[in-house]
Amino acid sequence: MTRSSTPGSPAGYDRIGIADADGAIRYLSKSEFENLPVAERVRLLMGGKLQFFQGDRQLTAREALKGA
């Protein structure tokens, strides 16, 4: 999947990929991620372990969290 910032595309994400220690990726919906404790979300974000997606398009963290 490619990262792009397509003008006119809505900001936000609909799912998150979280890389585990063994390299496996587990996916959470936006609501599942947002229901995690804030400290856990911040730890994952600061650790660079998150991949944001909107449909099949991978987003940068900036794109995903714009307006959040």
N, C-alpha and C. Protein backbone atom coordinates (compact mmCIF):
# COMPACT_ATOMS: atom_id res chain seq x y z
N MET A 1 0.83 -1.17 0.00
CA MET A 1 0.00 0.00 0.00
C MET A 1 0.87 1.23 0.00
N THR A 2 0.39 2.24 -0.65
CA THR A 2 1.19 3.45 -0.74
C THR A 2 0.62 4.54 0.14
N ARG A 3 1.52 5.38 0.57
CA ARG A 3 1.10 6.53 1.33
C ARG A 3 0.92 7.67 0.35
N SER A 4 -0.16 8.37 0.50
CA SER A 4 -0.35 9.53 -0.35
C SER A 4 -1.25 10.50 0.37
N SER A 5 -1.19 11.71 -0.06
CA SER A 5 -2.11 12.67 0.49
C SER A 5 -2.85 13.25 -0.69
N THR A 6 -4.01 12.69 -0.94
CA THR A 6 -4.80 13.07 -2.09
C THR A 6 -5.64 14.29 -1.74
N PRO A 7 -5.45 15.39 -2.47
CA PRO A 7 -6.26 16.57 -2.20
C PRO A 7 -7.73 16.23 -2.33
N GLY A 8 -8.52 16.75 -1.43
CA GLY A 8 -9.95 16.53 -1.46
C GLY A 8 -10.42 15.27 -0.78
N SER A 9 -9.49 14.40 -0.37
CA SER A 9 -9.93 13.20 0.33
C SER A 9 -10.19 13.55 1.80
N PRO A 10 -11.21 12.94 2.39
CA PRO A 10 -11.54 13.28 3.77
C PRO A 10 -10.45 12.83 4.73
N ALA A 11 -10.24 13.64 5.76
CA ALA A 11 -9.26 13.28 6.78
C ALA A 11 -9.84 12.19 7.66
N GLY A 12 -8.99 11.47 8.34
CA GLY A 12 -9.44 10.47 9.28
C GLY A 12 -9.07 9.07 8.82
N TYR A 13 -9.32 8.14 9.69
CA TYR A 13 -8.96 6.75 9.45
C TYR A 13 -10.13 5.87 9.86
N ASP A 14 -10.16 4.65 9.33
CA ASP A 14 -11.22 3.74 9.73
C ASP A 14 -10.69 2.49 10.41
N ARG A 15 -9.36 2.27 10.31
CA ARG A 15 -8.76 1.16 11.05
C ARG A 15 -7.29 1.45 11.29
N ILE A 16 -6.73 0.72 12.24
CA ILE A 16 -5.34 0.89 12.66
C ILE A 16 -4.67 -0.47 12.60
N GLY A 17 -3.44 -0.49 12.13
CA GLY A 17 -2.60 -1.68 12.21
C GLY A 17 -1.57 -1.45 13.30
N ILE A 18 -1.42 -2.42 14.19
CA ILE A 18 -0.45 -2.32 15.29
C ILE A 18 0.56 -3.45 15.12
N ALA A 19 1.82 -3.06 14.97
CA ALA A 19 2.88 -4.05 14.81
C ALA A 19 3.25 -4.63 16.17
N ASP A 20 3.16 -5.96 16.29
CA ASP A 20 3.56 -6.64 17.52
C ASP A 20 5.08 -6.82 17.52
N ALA A 21 5.62 -7.24 18.66
CA ALA A 21 7.07 -7.44 18.80
C ALA A 21 7.62 -8.43 17.77
N ASP A 22 6.82 -9.42 17.40
CA ASP A 22 7.28 -10.43 16.43
C ASP A 22 7.06 -10.01 14.97
N GLY A 23 6.56 -8.79 14.77
CA GLY A 23 6.35 -8.28 13.41
C GLY A 23 4.96 -8.51 12.87
N ALA A 24 4.15 -9.30 13.55
CA ALA A 24 2.78 -9.52 13.11
C ALA A 24 1.98 -8.23 13.31
N ILE A 25 1.01 -8.01 12.44
CA ILE A 25 0.19 -6.81 12.54
C ILE A 25 -1.22 -7.21 12.95
N ARG A 26 -1.71 -6.55 13.97
CA ARG A 26 -3.09 -6.78 14.42
C ARG A 26 -3.86 -5.51 14.10
N TYR A 27 -5.08 -5.69 13.64
CA TYR A 27 -5.89 -4.56 13.20
C TYR A 27 -7.02 -4.29 14.19
N LEU A 28 -7.26 -3.00 14.40
CA LEU A 28 -8.37 -2.54 15.23
C LEU A 28 -9.20 -1.55 14.44
N SER A 29 -10.49 -1.56 14.66
CA SER A 29 -11.34 -0.53 14.06
C SER A 29 -11.05 0.79 14.76
N LYS A 30 -11.51 1.87 14.17
CA LYS A 30 -11.31 3.19 14.79
C LYS A 30 -11.92 3.21 16.19
N SER A 31 -13.11 2.67 16.34
CA SER A 31 -13.75 2.70 17.66
C SER A 31 -13.03 1.81 18.66
N GLU A 32 -12.51 0.67 18.23
CA GLU A 32 -11.74 -0.19 19.15
C GLU A 32 -10.48 0.53 19.62
N PHE A 33 -9.79 1.19 18.69
CA PHE A 33 -8.58 1.94 19.07
C PHE A 33 -8.93 3.08 20.01
N GLU A 34 -9.97 3.82 19.70
CA GLU A 34 -10.34 4.96 20.53
C GLU A 34 -10.85 4.55 21.91
N ASN A 35 -11.24 3.30 22.06
CA ASN A 35 -11.67 2.81 23.37
C ASN A 35 -10.52 2.33 24.24
N LEU A 36 -9.30 2.26 23.68
CA LEU A 36 -8.13 1.93 24.49
C LEU A 36 -7.86 3.10 25.44
N PRO A 37 -7.25 2.83 26.60
CA PRO A 37 -6.89 3.93 27.49
C PRO A 37 -5.97 4.92 26.77
N VAL A 38 -6.12 6.19 27.08
CA VAL A 38 -5.32 7.24 26.43
C VAL A 38 -3.83 6.95 26.54
N ALA A 39 -3.38 6.51 27.69
CA ALA A 39 -1.95 6.23 27.88
C ALA A 39 -1.47 5.15 26.89
N GLU A 40 -2.29 4.15 26.63
CA GLU A 40 -1.94 3.08 25.69
C GLU A 40 -1.87 3.62 24.26
N ARG A 41 -2.85 4.46 23.88
CA ARG A 41 -2.84 5.05 22.54
C ARG A 41 -1.60 5.92 22.32
N VAL A 42 -1.27 6.72 23.33
CA VAL A 42 -0.09 7.59 23.22
C VAL A 42 1.18 6.75 23.13
N ARG A 43 1.29 5.70 23.94
CA ARG A 43 2.46 4.82 23.92
C ARG A 43 2.64 4.20 22.53
N LEU A 44 1.57 3.72 21.95
CA LEU A 44 1.64 3.11 20.62
C LEU A 44 2.01 4.15 19.56
N LEU A 45 1.42 5.32 19.64
CA LEU A 45 1.71 6.37 18.67
C LEU A 45 3.16 6.83 18.78
N MET A 46 3.63 7.06 19.98
CA MET A 46 5.00 7.54 20.17
C MET A 46 6.02 6.45 19.84
N GLY A 47 5.63 5.21 19.98
CA GLY A 47 6.52 4.09 19.67
C GLY A 47 6.62 3.79 18.18
N GLY A 48 5.85 4.50 17.37
CA GLY A 48 5.91 4.30 15.93
C GLY A 48 5.37 2.95 15.49
N LYS A 49 4.49 2.37 16.27
CA LYS A 49 3.99 1.03 15.98
C LYS A 49 2.65 1.03 15.25
N LEU A 50 2.12 2.21 14.91
CA LEU A 50 0.80 2.29 14.31
C LEU A 50 0.86 2.54 12.82
N GLN A 51 -0.06 1.92 12.12
CA GLN A 51 -0.30 2.17 10.70
C GLN A 51 -1.77 2.56 10.58
N PHE A 52 -2.03 3.69 9.98
CA PHE A 52 -3.40 4.18 9.84
C PHE A 52 -3.89 3.90 8.43
N PHE A 53 -5.16 3.52 8.32
CA PHE A 53 -5.76 3.22 7.02
C PHE A 53 -7.12 3.86 6.90
N GLN A 54 -7.42 4.26 5.66
CA GLN A 54 -8.76 4.69 5.28
C GLN A 54 -9.10 3.83 4.08
N GLY A 55 -9.97 2.86 4.29
CA GLY A 55 -10.20 1.87 3.24
C GLY A 55 -8.93 1.08 3.03
N ASP A 56 -8.45 1.02 1.79
CA ASP A 56 -7.20 0.30 1.53
C ASP A 56 -6.00 1.24 1.41
N ARG A 57 -6.20 2.52 1.66
CA ARG A 57 -5.14 3.52 1.55
C ARG A 57 -4.47 3.76 2.89
N GLN A 58 -3.15 3.62 2.94
CA GLN A 58 -2.41 3.90 4.17
C GLN A 58 -2.21 5.40 4.29
N LEU A 59 -2.44 5.92 5.49
CA LEU A 59 -2.33 7.34 5.77
C LEU A 59 -1.13 7.62 6.65
N THR A 60 -0.63 8.84 6.59
CA THR A 60 0.36 9.26 7.58
C THR A 60 -0.40 9.55 8.86
N ALA A 61 0.31 9.58 9.98
CA ALA A 61 -0.33 9.90 11.26
C ALA A 61 -0.97 11.29 11.20
N ARG A 62 -0.30 12.21 10.54
CA ARG A 62 -0.84 13.58 10.42
C ARG A 62 -2.18 13.58 9.70
N GLU A 63 -2.25 12.86 8.58
CA GLU A 63 -3.51 12.77 7.84
C GLU A 63 -4.60 12.13 8.69
N ALA A 64 -4.24 11.04 9.35
CA ALA A 64 -5.20 10.25 10.11
C ALA A 64 -5.78 11.02 11.29
N LEU A 65 -4.94 11.81 11.94
CA LEU A 65 -5.35 12.48 13.17
C LEU A 65 -5.77 13.93 12.95
N LYS A 66 -5.76 14.37 11.73
CA LYS A 66 -6.15 15.75 11.43
C LYS A 66 -7.60 15.98 11.87
N GLY A 67 -7.78 16.98 12.69
CA GLY A 67 -9.11 17.31 13.17
C GLY A 67 -9.59 16.44 14.31
N ALA A 68 -8.73 15.54 14.79
CA ALA A 68 -9.14 14.63 15.89
C ALA A 68 -9.16 15.36 17.21
